[in-house]
Amino acid sequence: MSTLSTLIGRVALELGDAEHAIWSEEALTEHLRRALEAYSRVDPRRLDIVIQAEAGQREYPLQGLGPFIEITDLWYPYDANAPQHPPQRPEWALILSKTFYLGVSEAPSGAESIRLFYTAPHTIEGLDGATATTLDADGEGIAILGAAAYAVEARAQGLMGAVTISTETPSQLLAWAEARMRRFAQALQEVRQRRMAIADARVPLEAAR
């Protein structure tokens, strides 16, 4: 599992700046954070949590989830020892950014459980307090590509109109950045298409016969 330090080093190598003569570790950290956010929007973590219902309670805070992108499904009532098939999916709504409302006619008795499915951003160990890196090898490669693209783009924009002794002109750097951004966008699109293909692969039993 790669840490923030490891990935920063790989971004620097990608840029040909292993000694950080041009891009500081702090700058590359910010660019890696942006790339991670972009990747998480396309292929977030898919997680679930079981919440114990409370007697007479229809509103439930979600602070325990940590940062999340969206709630994707809710099963209620849920029994992990004897799950129903198909599961019951009552009406629900996210009424506040961290609170959901269970739209059932009869309030919970307190004996039931709620199974909540949600998506969350990926993390990198050492970044913003994260203790684990959740990207797989392909995801790490895409994040590194994106961070490098953001780094070159920022440098090109910063050199616009400036007088430097560098052999690289802002226009050359911008062209390099645009090429990398296209590669990054293409990689994200390929991930998006794979995820869509997986979702579309649910074939009815009759059609499979």
N, C-alpha and C. Protein backbone atom coordinates (compact mmCIF):
# COMPACT_ATOMS: atom_id res chain seq x y z
N MET A 1 0.84 -1.19 0.00
CA MET A 1 0.00 0.00 0.00
C MET A 1 0.88 1.25 0.00
N SER A 2 0.67 2.13 -0.94
CA SER A 2 1.48 3.33 -1.07
C SER A 2 1.04 4.40 -0.08
N THR A 3 1.99 5.14 0.43
CA THR A 3 1.70 6.26 1.32
C THR A 3 1.79 7.56 0.53
N LEU A 4 1.42 8.65 1.18
CA LEU A 4 1.52 9.96 0.54
C LEU A 4 2.95 10.23 0.10
N SER A 5 3.91 9.94 0.94
CA SER A 5 5.31 10.19 0.60
C SER A 5 5.73 9.40 -0.63
N THR A 6 5.30 8.14 -0.70
CA THR A 6 5.63 7.30 -1.85
C THR A 6 5.03 7.87 -3.13
N LEU A 7 3.77 8.26 -3.08
CA LEU A 7 3.10 8.77 -4.28
C LEU A 7 3.66 10.13 -4.70
N ILE A 8 4.02 10.97 -3.73
CA ILE A 8 4.65 12.25 -4.07
C ILE A 8 5.96 12.00 -4.80
N GLY A 9 6.72 11.02 -4.33
CA GLY A 9 7.97 10.68 -5.01
C GLY A 9 7.74 10.20 -6.43
N ARG A 10 6.67 9.44 -6.64
CA ARG A 10 6.37 8.95 -7.99
C ARG A 10 5.90 10.07 -8.90
N VAL A 11 5.16 11.04 -8.35
CA VAL A 11 4.75 12.19 -9.15
C VAL A 11 5.99 12.99 -9.56
N ALA A 12 6.91 13.19 -8.62
CA ALA A 12 8.14 13.94 -8.92
C ALA A 12 8.95 13.24 -10.01
N LEU A 13 9.03 11.92 -9.96
CA LEU A 13 9.73 11.17 -11.01
C LEU A 13 9.03 11.32 -12.35
N GLU A 14 7.71 11.29 -12.32
CA GLU A 14 6.92 11.48 -13.54
C GLU A 14 7.23 12.83 -14.18
N LEU A 15 7.52 13.82 -13.35
CA LEU A 15 7.81 15.17 -13.83
C LEU A 15 9.30 15.38 -14.11
N GLY A 16 10.11 14.36 -13.84
CA GLY A 16 11.56 14.53 -14.02
C GLY A 16 12.16 15.48 -13.01
N ASP A 17 11.59 15.52 -11.80
CA ASP A 17 12.02 16.47 -10.78
C ASP A 17 12.15 15.75 -9.44
N ALA A 18 12.93 14.67 -9.44
CA ALA A 18 13.07 13.85 -8.24
C ALA A 18 13.63 14.62 -7.06
N GLU A 19 14.42 15.65 -7.31
CA GLU A 19 15.02 16.43 -6.22
C GLU A 19 14.15 17.60 -5.78
N HIS A 20 12.98 17.74 -6.39
CA HIS A 20 12.05 18.83 -6.06
C HIS A 20 12.67 20.21 -6.28
N ALA A 21 13.43 20.31 -7.35
CA ALA A 21 14.03 21.61 -7.67
C ALA A 21 12.97 22.58 -8.21
N ILE A 22 11.92 22.05 -8.81
CA ILE A 22 10.87 22.89 -9.41
C ILE A 22 9.59 22.82 -8.61
N TRP A 23 9.16 21.62 -8.28
CA TRP A 23 7.91 21.44 -7.55
C TRP A 23 8.21 20.95 -6.13
N SER A 24 7.76 21.68 -5.15
CA SER A 24 7.97 21.28 -3.76
C SER A 24 7.03 20.12 -3.40
N GLU A 25 7.35 19.45 -2.31
CA GLU A 25 6.47 18.38 -1.84
C GLU A 25 5.09 18.94 -1.49
N GLU A 26 5.06 20.14 -0.93
CA GLU A 26 3.78 20.76 -0.57
C GLU A 26 2.93 21.02 -1.80
N ALA A 27 3.55 21.52 -2.87
CA ALA A 27 2.81 21.78 -4.11
C ALA A 27 2.29 20.48 -4.72
N LEU A 28 3.13 19.45 -4.73
CA LEU A 28 2.70 18.18 -5.31
C LEU A 28 1.62 17.52 -4.46
N THR A 29 1.65 17.76 -3.17
CA THR A 29 0.57 17.24 -2.31
C THR A 29 -0.77 17.83 -2.72
N GLU A 30 -0.80 19.14 -2.97
CA GLU A 30 -2.04 19.78 -3.38
C GLU A 30 -2.51 19.26 -4.74
N HIS A 31 -1.58 19.09 -5.66
CA HIS A 31 -1.96 18.57 -6.99
C HIS A 31 -2.46 17.12 -6.88
N LEU A 32 -1.85 16.34 -6.00
CA LEU A 32 -2.30 14.96 -5.81
C LEU A 32 -3.68 14.94 -5.17
N ARG A 33 -3.94 15.87 -4.27
CA ARG A 33 -5.27 15.96 -3.64
C ARG A 33 -6.33 16.24 -4.72
N ARG A 34 -6.04 17.15 -5.63
CA ARG A 34 -6.99 17.46 -6.71
C ARG A 34 -7.24 16.25 -7.60
N ALA A 35 -6.17 15.53 -7.93
CA ALA A 35 -6.31 14.35 -8.78
C ALA A 35 -7.12 13.27 -8.07
N LEU A 36 -6.91 13.12 -6.77
CA LEU A 36 -7.66 12.13 -5.99
C LEU A 36 -9.14 12.48 -5.96
N GLU A 37 -9.46 13.76 -5.81
CA GLU A 37 -10.86 14.19 -5.82
C GLU A 37 -11.51 13.90 -7.17
N ALA A 38 -10.78 14.17 -8.26
CA ALA A 38 -11.31 13.90 -9.60
C ALA A 38 -11.56 12.40 -9.79
N TYR A 39 -10.64 11.58 -9.33
CA TYR A 39 -10.80 10.13 -9.46
C TYR A 39 -11.98 9.64 -8.62
N SER A 40 -12.12 10.19 -7.41
CA SER A 40 -13.20 9.76 -6.52
C SER A 40 -14.58 10.08 -7.10
N ARG A 41 -14.67 11.15 -7.88
CA ARG A 41 -15.96 11.47 -8.50
C ARG A 41 -16.36 10.43 -9.54
N VAL A 42 -15.37 9.81 -10.17
CA VAL A 42 -15.63 8.83 -11.22
C VAL A 42 -15.78 7.42 -10.65
N ASP A 43 -14.92 7.07 -9.71
CA ASP A 43 -14.91 5.71 -9.16
C ASP A 43 -14.76 5.77 -7.65
N PRO A 44 -15.80 6.18 -6.94
CA PRO A 44 -15.70 6.30 -5.48
C PRO A 44 -15.68 4.95 -4.79
N ARG A 45 -15.34 4.96 -3.54
CA ARG A 45 -15.46 3.75 -2.73
C ARG A 45 -16.94 3.46 -2.51
N ARG A 46 -17.30 2.18 -2.54
CA ARG A 46 -18.68 1.76 -2.31
C ARG A 46 -18.72 1.01 -0.99
N LEU A 47 -19.41 1.60 -0.02
CA LEU A 47 -19.39 1.10 1.34
C LEU A 47 -20.80 0.89 1.89
N ASP A 48 -20.88 0.22 3.02
CA ASP A 48 -22.17 0.09 3.69
C ASP A 48 -21.96 0.12 5.20
N ILE A 49 -23.02 0.40 5.91
CA ILE A 49 -22.99 0.44 7.36
C ILE A 49 -24.34 -0.02 7.89
N VAL A 50 -24.33 -0.73 9.00
CA VAL A 50 -25.57 -1.17 9.64
C VAL A 50 -25.79 -0.28 10.86
N ILE A 51 -26.95 0.37 10.90
CA ILE A 51 -27.29 1.29 11.97
C ILE A 51 -28.42 0.69 12.80
N GLN A 52 -28.28 0.70 14.10
CA GLN A 52 -29.33 0.21 14.97
C GLN A 52 -30.43 1.26 15.07
N ALA A 53 -31.65 0.88 14.73
CA ALA A 53 -32.77 1.81 14.82
C ALA A 53 -33.07 2.14 16.28
N GLU A 54 -33.66 3.30 16.48
CA GLU A 54 -34.04 3.73 17.82
C GLU A 54 -35.56 3.83 17.90
N ALA A 55 -36.10 3.47 19.02
CA ALA A 55 -37.56 3.47 19.21
C ALA A 55 -38.15 4.85 18.93
N GLY A 56 -39.14 4.88 18.02
CA GLY A 56 -39.83 6.12 17.69
C GLY A 56 -39.03 7.11 16.88
N GLN A 57 -37.83 6.72 16.44
CA GLN A 57 -36.94 7.66 15.75
C GLN A 57 -36.96 7.43 14.24
N ARG A 58 -37.24 8.51 13.48
CA ARG A 58 -37.20 8.43 12.02
C ARG A 58 -36.03 9.21 11.41
N GLU A 59 -35.41 10.08 12.19
CA GLU A 59 -34.27 10.85 11.70
C GLU A 59 -32.98 10.32 12.33
N TYR A 60 -31.96 10.12 11.46
CA TYR A 60 -30.70 9.54 11.92
C TYR A 60 -29.51 10.36 11.42
N PRO A 61 -28.65 10.81 12.34
CA PRO A 61 -27.46 11.55 11.94
C PRO A 61 -26.42 10.61 11.33
N LEU A 62 -25.61 11.14 10.45
CA LEU A 62 -24.64 10.33 9.73
C LEU A 62 -23.20 10.76 9.98
N GLN A 63 -22.94 11.41 11.09
CA GLN A 63 -21.59 11.85 11.37
C GLN A 63 -20.60 10.69 11.40
N GLY A 64 -21.09 9.51 11.80
CA GLY A 64 -20.21 8.35 11.89
C GLY A 64 -19.71 7.85 10.55
N LEU A 65 -20.33 8.28 9.45
CA LEU A 65 -19.89 7.84 8.13
C LEU A 65 -18.59 8.50 7.71
N GLY A 66 -18.26 9.66 8.28
CA GLY A 66 -17.13 10.43 7.79
C GLY A 66 -17.52 11.08 6.47
N PRO A 67 -16.54 11.57 5.71
CA PRO A 67 -16.86 12.19 4.42
C PRO A 67 -17.51 11.17 3.48
N PHE A 68 -18.64 11.53 2.89
CA PHE A 68 -19.26 10.65 1.91
C PHE A 68 -19.80 11.48 0.74
N ILE A 69 -20.01 10.82 -0.37
CA ILE A 69 -20.46 11.51 -1.58
C ILE A 69 -21.97 11.45 -1.69
N GLU A 70 -22.53 10.24 -1.62
CA GLU A 70 -23.99 10.11 -1.68
C GLU A 70 -24.45 8.81 -1.06
N ILE A 71 -25.71 8.79 -0.64
CA ILE A 71 -26.36 7.57 -0.18
C ILE A 71 -26.95 6.90 -1.41
N THR A 72 -26.65 5.63 -1.62
CA THR A 72 -27.10 4.96 -2.84
C THR A 72 -28.26 3.99 -2.60
N ASP A 73 -28.42 3.47 -1.39
CA ASP A 73 -29.51 2.53 -1.14
C ASP A 73 -29.72 2.40 0.36
N LEU A 74 -30.92 1.95 0.74
CA LEU A 74 -31.25 1.76 2.15
C LEU A 74 -32.18 0.56 2.29
N TRP A 75 -31.81 -0.37 3.17
CA TRP A 75 -32.65 -1.53 3.44
C TRP A 75 -33.17 -1.44 4.89
N TYR A 76 -34.47 -1.61 5.03
CA TYR A 76 -35.09 -1.57 6.37
C TYR A 76 -36.42 -2.31 6.34
N PRO A 77 -36.71 -3.13 7.33
CA PRO A 77 -35.79 -3.56 8.40
C PRO A 77 -34.77 -4.56 7.87
N TYR A 78 -33.62 -4.59 8.51
CA TYR A 78 -32.54 -5.46 8.05
C TYR A 78 -32.06 -6.33 9.20
N ASP A 79 -31.89 -7.62 8.89
CA ASP A 79 -31.39 -8.58 9.87
C ASP A 79 -30.20 -9.29 9.22
N ALA A 80 -28.99 -9.03 9.71
CA ALA A 80 -27.80 -9.62 9.11
C ALA A 80 -27.80 -11.14 9.22
N ASN A 81 -28.48 -11.69 10.21
CA ASN A 81 -28.52 -13.14 10.40
C ASN A 81 -29.57 -13.81 9.50
N ALA A 82 -30.56 -13.03 9.07
CA ALA A 82 -31.61 -13.58 8.19
C ALA A 82 -32.05 -12.48 7.22
N PRO A 83 -31.18 -12.07 6.31
CA PRO A 83 -31.53 -10.99 5.38
C PRO A 83 -32.66 -11.39 4.44
N GLN A 84 -33.58 -10.48 4.22
CA GLN A 84 -34.71 -10.74 3.34
C GLN A 84 -34.26 -10.70 1.87
N HIS A 85 -34.97 -11.48 1.06
CA HIS A 85 -34.72 -11.44 -0.38
C HIS A 85 -36.07 -11.40 -1.11
N PRO A 86 -36.33 -10.34 -1.88
CA PRO A 86 -35.49 -9.14 -1.99
C PRO A 86 -35.59 -8.28 -0.74
N PRO A 87 -34.61 -7.42 -0.52
CA PRO A 87 -34.64 -6.56 0.67
C PRO A 87 -35.76 -5.53 0.57
N GLN A 88 -36.24 -5.07 1.71
CA GLN A 88 -37.25 -4.02 1.74
C GLN A 88 -36.55 -2.67 1.63
N ARG A 89 -37.06 -1.82 0.73
CA ARG A 89 -36.47 -0.50 0.50
C ARG A 89 -37.55 0.57 0.72
N PRO A 90 -37.72 1.03 1.94
CA PRO A 90 -38.73 2.05 2.21
C PRO A 90 -38.29 3.40 1.68
N GLU A 91 -39.21 4.34 1.66
CA GLU A 91 -38.85 5.70 1.25
C GLU A 91 -37.90 6.30 2.29
N TRP A 92 -36.99 7.12 1.81
CA TRP A 92 -36.08 7.82 2.70
C TRP A 92 -35.62 9.09 1.99
N ALA A 93 -35.07 10.01 2.76
CA ALA A 93 -34.59 11.26 2.17
C ALA A 93 -33.44 11.80 3.00
N LEU A 94 -32.49 12.38 2.33
CA LEU A 94 -31.40 13.07 3.01
C LEU A 94 -31.89 14.49 3.27
N ILE A 95 -32.33 14.76 4.49
CA ILE A 95 -32.98 16.04 4.77
C ILE A 95 -31.98 17.13 5.16
N LEU A 96 -30.82 16.72 5.67
CA LEU A 96 -29.72 17.63 5.93
C LEU A 96 -28.46 16.96 5.40
N SER A 97 -27.37 17.70 5.33
CA SER A 97 -26.17 17.13 4.75
C SER A 97 -25.68 15.90 5.50
N LYS A 98 -26.03 15.79 6.78
CA LYS A 98 -25.58 14.65 7.58
C LYS A 98 -26.72 13.98 8.34
N THR A 99 -27.94 14.09 7.83
CA THR A 99 -29.09 13.47 8.50
C THR A 99 -30.05 12.91 7.45
N PHE A 100 -30.48 11.65 7.64
CA PHE A 100 -31.47 11.11 6.71
C PHE A 100 -32.76 10.80 7.47
N TYR A 101 -33.86 10.83 6.73
CA TYR A 101 -35.20 10.61 7.27
C TYR A 101 -35.73 9.29 6.73
N LEU A 102 -36.20 8.43 7.62
CA LEU A 102 -36.76 7.14 7.25
C LEU A 102 -38.26 7.31 7.09
N GLY A 103 -38.73 7.22 5.84
CA GLY A 103 -40.14 7.49 5.55
C GLY A 103 -41.03 6.28 5.69
N VAL A 104 -41.20 5.80 6.90
CA VAL A 104 -42.05 4.64 7.16
C VAL A 104 -43.27 5.09 7.97
N SER A 105 -44.39 4.42 7.73
CA SER A 105 -45.63 4.81 8.41
C SER A 105 -45.57 4.49 9.90
N GLU A 106 -44.94 3.36 10.22
CA GLU A 106 -44.82 2.97 11.62
C GLU A 106 -43.38 3.19 12.08
N ALA A 107 -43.20 4.01 13.08
CA ALA A 107 -41.86 4.31 13.58
C ALA A 107 -41.18 3.05 14.10
N PRO A 108 -39.85 2.97 14.00
CA PRO A 108 -39.13 1.80 14.50
C PRO A 108 -39.41 1.54 15.98
N SER A 109 -39.34 0.27 16.33
CA SER A 109 -39.55 -0.11 17.74
C SER A 109 -38.25 -0.07 18.52
N GLY A 110 -37.13 -0.06 17.77
CA GLY A 110 -35.81 -0.09 18.41
C GLY A 110 -35.14 -1.43 18.27
N ALA A 111 -35.89 -2.44 17.81
CA ALA A 111 -35.33 -3.78 17.64
C ALA A 111 -34.77 -3.98 16.23
N GLU A 112 -35.10 -3.07 15.32
CA GLU A 112 -34.71 -3.24 13.92
C GLU A 112 -33.33 -2.62 13.65
N SER A 113 -32.78 -3.01 12.50
CA SER A 113 -31.54 -2.41 12.01
C SER A 113 -31.79 -1.81 10.63
N ILE A 114 -30.95 -0.88 10.27
CA ILE A 114 -31.00 -0.23 8.95
C ILE A 114 -29.66 -0.48 8.27
N ARG A 115 -29.70 -0.97 7.05
CA ARG A 115 -28.45 -1.13 6.30
C ARG A 115 -28.39 -0.03 5.25
N LEU A 116 -27.35 0.78 5.34
CA LEU A 116 -27.20 1.95 4.48
C LEU A 116 -26.01 1.75 3.55
N PHE A 117 -26.23 1.98 2.26
CA PHE A 117 -25.15 1.89 1.27
C PHE A 117 -24.79 3.30 0.81
N TYR A 118 -23.51 3.56 0.67
CA TYR A 118 -23.08 4.91 0.30
C TYR A 118 -21.75 4.88 -0.44
N THR A 119 -21.42 5.99 -1.06
CA THR A 119 -20.12 6.13 -1.71
C THR A 119 -19.30 7.17 -0.96
N ALA A 120 -17.99 7.00 -0.99
CA ALA A 120 -17.10 7.89 -0.25
C ALA A 120 -15.84 8.15 -1.06
N PRO A 121 -15.17 9.26 -0.80
CA PRO A 121 -13.93 9.56 -1.52
C PRO A 121 -12.84 8.55 -1.15
N HIS A 122 -11.91 8.36 -2.07
CA HIS A 122 -10.73 7.55 -1.77
C HIS A 122 -9.80 8.33 -0.85
N THR A 123 -8.94 7.60 -0.18
CA THR A 123 -7.99 8.22 0.73
C THR A 123 -6.57 7.75 0.41
N ILE A 124 -5.62 8.54 0.87
CA ILE A 124 -4.20 8.19 0.75
C ILE A 124 -3.60 8.29 2.15
N GLU A 125 -2.92 7.26 2.57
CA GLU A 125 -2.31 7.26 3.90
C GLU A 125 -1.37 8.45 4.06
N GLY A 126 -1.64 9.27 5.07
CA GLY A 126 -0.81 10.44 5.32
C GLY A 126 -1.37 11.73 4.76
N LEU A 127 -2.42 11.63 3.94
CA LEU A 127 -3.04 12.81 3.37
C LEU A 127 -4.29 13.18 4.16
N ASP A 128 -4.31 14.37 4.72
CA ASP A 128 -5.47 14.86 5.46
C ASP A 128 -5.87 13.92 6.59
N GLY A 129 -4.90 13.32 7.23
CA GLY A 129 -5.16 12.47 8.38
C GLY A 129 -5.58 11.04 8.07
N ALA A 130 -5.61 10.66 6.81
CA ALA A 130 -6.03 9.30 6.44
C ALA A 130 -4.99 8.28 6.91
N THR A 131 -5.47 7.12 7.33
CA THR A 131 -4.58 6.07 7.83
C THR A 131 -4.43 4.91 6.84
N ALA A 132 -5.08 5.00 5.68
CA ALA A 132 -4.99 3.93 4.69
C ALA A 132 -5.13 4.50 3.29
N THR A 133 -4.50 3.84 2.33
CA THR A 133 -4.66 4.19 0.92
C THR A 133 -5.65 3.21 0.31
N THR A 134 -6.73 3.71 -0.25
CA THR A 134 -7.81 2.85 -0.75
C THR A 134 -7.76 2.66 -2.26
N LEU A 135 -6.85 3.33 -2.94
CA LEU A 135 -6.70 3.15 -4.38
C LEU A 135 -6.02 1.83 -4.70
N ASP A 136 -6.44 1.19 -5.78
CA ASP A 136 -5.70 0.03 -6.26
C ASP A 136 -4.54 0.52 -7.13
N ALA A 137 -3.78 -0.40 -7.70
CA ALA A 137 -2.60 -0.01 -8.47
C ALA A 137 -2.97 0.87 -9.66
N ASP A 138 -4.05 0.52 -10.36
CA ASP A 138 -4.48 1.34 -11.50
C ASP A 138 -4.91 2.73 -11.04
N GLY A 139 -5.63 2.78 -9.94
CA GLY A 139 -6.08 4.07 -9.41
C GLY A 139 -4.90 4.95 -9.02
N GLU A 140 -3.88 4.36 -8.42
CA GLU A 140 -2.70 5.13 -8.06
C GLU A 140 -2.04 5.72 -9.31
N GLY A 141 -1.94 4.90 -10.35
CA GLY A 141 -1.32 5.38 -11.58
C GLY A 141 -2.08 6.55 -12.19
N ILE A 142 -3.41 6.48 -12.15
CA ILE A 142 -4.24 7.56 -12.70
C ILE A 142 -4.09 8.82 -11.85
N ALA A 143 -4.06 8.66 -10.53
CA ALA A 143 -3.90 9.82 -9.65
C ALA A 143 -2.55 10.49 -9.87
N ILE A 144 -1.51 9.70 -10.08
CA ILE A 144 -0.18 10.25 -10.33
C ILE A 144 -0.17 11.02 -11.65
N LEU A 145 -0.80 10.45 -12.67
CA LEU A 145 -0.89 11.13 -13.96
C LEU A 145 -1.62 12.46 -13.81
N GLY A 146 -2.73 12.45 -13.08
CA GLY A 146 -3.50 13.69 -12.89
C GLY A 146 -2.72 14.72 -12.11
N ALA A 147 -2.03 14.30 -11.05
CA ALA A 147 -1.24 15.24 -10.25
C ALA A 147 -0.14 15.88 -11.09
N ALA A 148 0.50 15.08 -11.92
CA ALA A 148 1.55 15.63 -12.79
C ALA A 148 0.97 16.63 -13.78
N ALA A 149 -0.19 16.32 -14.32
CA ALA A 149 -0.84 17.24 -15.27
C ALA A 149 -1.19 18.56 -14.59
N TYR A 150 -1.76 18.49 -13.39
CA TYR A 150 -2.09 19.71 -12.65
C TYR A 150 -0.84 20.52 -12.32
N ALA A 151 0.25 19.82 -11.98
CA ALA A 151 1.49 20.50 -11.62
C ALA A 151 2.06 21.28 -12.80
N VAL A 152 2.10 20.65 -13.96
CA VAL A 152 2.65 21.33 -15.15
C VAL A 152 1.74 22.48 -15.57
N GLU A 153 0.43 22.26 -15.49
CA GLU A 153 -0.52 23.31 -15.85
C GLU A 153 -0.33 24.54 -14.96
N ALA A 154 -0.21 24.30 -13.65
CA ALA A 154 -0.03 25.42 -12.72
C ALA A 154 1.27 26.16 -12.98
N ARG A 155 2.33 25.43 -13.30
CA ARG A 155 3.62 26.08 -13.58
C ARG A 155 3.54 26.90 -14.86
N ALA A 156 2.90 26.37 -15.88
CA ALA A 156 2.75 27.10 -17.14
C ALA A 156 1.98 28.39 -16.93
N GLN A 157 0.90 28.30 -16.17
CA GLN A 157 0.10 29.50 -15.91
C GLN A 157 0.87 30.51 -15.09
N GLY A 158 1.70 30.02 -14.16
CA GLY A 158 2.48 30.92 -13.32
C GLY A 158 3.58 31.64 -14.07
N LEU A 159 4.03 31.05 -15.18
CA LEU A 159 5.12 31.65 -15.95
C LEU A 159 4.62 32.56 -17.07
N MET A 160 3.31 32.58 -17.27
CA MET A 160 2.77 33.45 -18.31
C MET A 160 3.16 34.91 -18.05
N GLY A 161 3.83 35.53 -18.98
CA GLY A 161 4.21 36.93 -18.86
C GLY A 161 5.44 37.17 -18.02
N ALA A 162 6.00 36.10 -17.42
CA ALA A 162 7.19 36.26 -16.59
C ALA A 162 8.45 36.11 -17.43
N VAL A 163 9.51 36.75 -17.02
CA VAL A 163 10.81 36.63 -17.68
C VAL A 163 11.63 35.63 -16.91
N THR A 164 12.03 34.54 -17.56
CA THR A 164 12.79 33.49 -16.88
C THR A 164 13.99 33.11 -17.72
N ILE A 165 14.93 32.39 -17.11
CA ILE A 165 16.11 31.89 -17.83
C ILE A 165 15.91 30.43 -18.22
N SER A 166 14.71 29.90 -17.95
CA SER A 166 14.43 28.52 -18.28
C SER A 166 14.35 28.33 -19.78
N THR A 167 14.79 27.14 -20.23
CA THR A 167 14.69 26.82 -21.66
C THR A 167 13.27 26.44 -22.04
N GLU A 168 12.41 26.21 -21.05
CA GLU A 168 11.02 25.86 -21.33
C GLU A 168 10.17 27.12 -21.30
N THR A 169 9.48 27.36 -22.39
CA THR A 169 8.60 28.52 -22.46
C THR A 169 7.24 28.16 -21.88
N PRO A 170 6.47 29.15 -21.43
CA PRO A 170 5.13 28.86 -20.92
C PRO A 170 4.27 28.10 -21.92
N SER A 171 4.40 28.45 -23.20
CA SER A 171 3.59 27.78 -24.22
C SER A 171 3.97 26.31 -24.34
N GLN A 172 5.28 26.00 -24.22
CA GLN A 172 5.71 24.61 -24.26
C GLN A 172 5.18 23.83 -23.05
N LEU A 173 5.27 24.46 -21.88
CA LEU A 173 4.76 23.82 -20.67
C LEU A 173 3.25 23.61 -20.76
N LEU A 174 2.55 24.60 -21.32
CA LEU A 174 1.10 24.49 -21.43
C LEU A 174 0.72 23.36 -22.39
N ALA A 175 1.47 23.23 -23.48
CA ALA A 175 1.21 22.14 -24.42
C ALA A 175 1.45 20.79 -23.75
N TRP A 176 2.49 20.72 -22.94
CA TRP A 176 2.80 19.50 -22.20
C TRP A 176 1.68 19.20 -21.21
N ALA A 177 1.23 20.24 -20.52
CA ALA A 177 0.14 20.06 -19.56
C ALA A 177 -1.14 19.61 -20.25
N GLU A 178 -1.46 20.21 -21.39
CA GLU A 178 -2.68 19.84 -22.11
C GLU A 178 -2.64 18.39 -22.56
N ALA A 179 -1.46 17.94 -23.00
CA ALA A 179 -1.32 16.55 -23.42
C ALA A 179 -1.55 15.60 -22.23
N ARG A 180 -1.00 15.97 -21.08
CA ARG A 180 -1.18 15.15 -19.89
C ARG A 180 -2.63 15.18 -19.40
N MET A 181 -3.25 16.35 -19.50
CA MET A 181 -4.65 16.46 -19.08
C MET A 181 -5.54 15.61 -19.96
N ARG A 182 -5.23 15.54 -21.24
CA ARG A 182 -6.01 14.69 -22.15
C ARG A 182 -5.86 13.22 -21.75
N ARG A 183 -4.63 12.82 -21.41
CA ARG A 183 -4.39 11.44 -20.98
C ARG A 183 -5.14 11.15 -19.68
N PHE A 184 -5.12 12.11 -18.77
CA PHE A 184 -5.82 11.96 -17.49
C PHE A 184 -7.32 11.83 -17.72
N ALA A 185 -7.87 12.71 -18.56
CA ALA A 185 -9.30 12.67 -18.85
C ALA A 185 -9.68 11.35 -19.52
N GLN A 186 -8.82 10.86 -20.42
CA GLN A 186 -9.10 9.60 -21.10
C GLN A 186 -9.08 8.44 -20.11
N ALA A 187 -8.11 8.47 -19.17
CA ALA A 187 -8.04 7.41 -18.17
C ALA A 187 -9.28 7.41 -17.28
N LEU A 188 -9.75 8.59 -16.90
CA LEU A 188 -10.97 8.67 -16.09
C LEU A 188 -12.18 8.19 -16.88
N GLN A 189 -12.22 8.52 -18.16
CA GLN A 189 -13.33 8.08 -19.00
C GLN A 189 -13.35 6.56 -19.12
N GLU A 190 -12.18 5.94 -19.24
CA GLU A 190 -12.11 4.49 -19.33
C GLU A 190 -12.60 3.84 -18.04
N VAL A 191 -12.25 4.42 -16.89
CA VAL A 191 -12.74 3.91 -15.61
C VAL A 191 -14.26 4.05 -15.55
N ARG A 192 -14.78 5.21 -15.97
CA ARG A 192 -16.22 5.45 -15.97
C ARG A 192 -16.94 4.41 -16.86
N GLN A 193 -16.39 4.14 -18.02
CA GLN A 193 -17.01 3.18 -18.94
C GLN A 193 -17.00 1.77 -18.36
N ARG A 194 -15.92 1.39 -17.68
CA ARG A 194 -15.86 0.07 -17.04
C ARG A 194 -16.93 -0.06 -15.98
N ARG A 195 -17.11 1.00 -15.19
CA ARG A 195 -18.12 0.96 -14.14
C ARG A 195 -19.52 0.87 -14.73
N MET A 196 -19.76 1.59 -15.83
CA MET A 196 -21.06 1.54 -16.48
C MET A 196 -21.31 0.15 -17.06
N ALA A 197 -20.26 -0.47 -17.60
CA ALA A 197 -20.40 -1.81 -18.17
C ALA A 197 -20.76 -2.82 -17.10
N ILE A 198 -20.16 -2.68 -15.91
CA ILE A 198 -20.47 -3.58 -14.80
C ILE A 198 -21.93 -3.42 -14.40
N ALA A 199 -22.39 -2.16 -14.33
CA ALA A 199 -23.79 -1.91 -13.95
C ALA A 199 -24.75 -2.45 -14.99
N ASP A 200 -24.37 -2.40 -16.27
CA ASP A 200 -25.25 -2.86 -17.35
C ASP A 200 -25.22 -4.38 -17.52
N ALA A 201 -24.32 -5.05 -16.79
CA ALA A 201 -24.16 -6.48 -16.97
C ALA A 201 -25.18 -7.31 -16.21
N ARG A 202 -26.13 -6.66 -15.54
CA ARG A 202 -27.15 -7.39 -14.80
C ARG A 202 -28.21 -7.88 -15.79
N VAL A 203 -28.09 -9.15 -16.17
CA VAL A 203 -28.97 -9.72 -17.20
C VAL A 203 -30.10 -10.50 -16.54
N PRO A 204 -31.37 -10.26 -16.94
CA PRO A 204 -32.48 -11.06 -16.39
C PRO A 204 -32.26 -12.54 -16.61
N LEU A 205 -32.73 -13.37 -15.67
CA LEU A 205 -32.51 -14.81 -15.78
C LEU A 205 -33.10 -15.38 -17.07
N GLU A 206 -34.27 -14.88 -17.49
CA GLU A 206 -34.88 -15.41 -18.70
C GLU A 206 -34.02 -15.15 -19.91
N ALA A 207 -33.36 -13.98 -19.94
CA ALA A 207 -32.52 -13.63 -21.08
C ALA A 207 -31.26 -14.45 -21.10
N ALA A 208 -30.83 -14.93 -19.95
CA ALA A 208 -29.58 -15.70 -19.88
C ALA A 208 -29.78 -17.15 -20.28
N ARG A 209 -31.02 -17.60 -20.36
CA ARG A 209 -31.27 -19.02 -20.69
C ARG A 209 -31.09 -19.27 -22.17
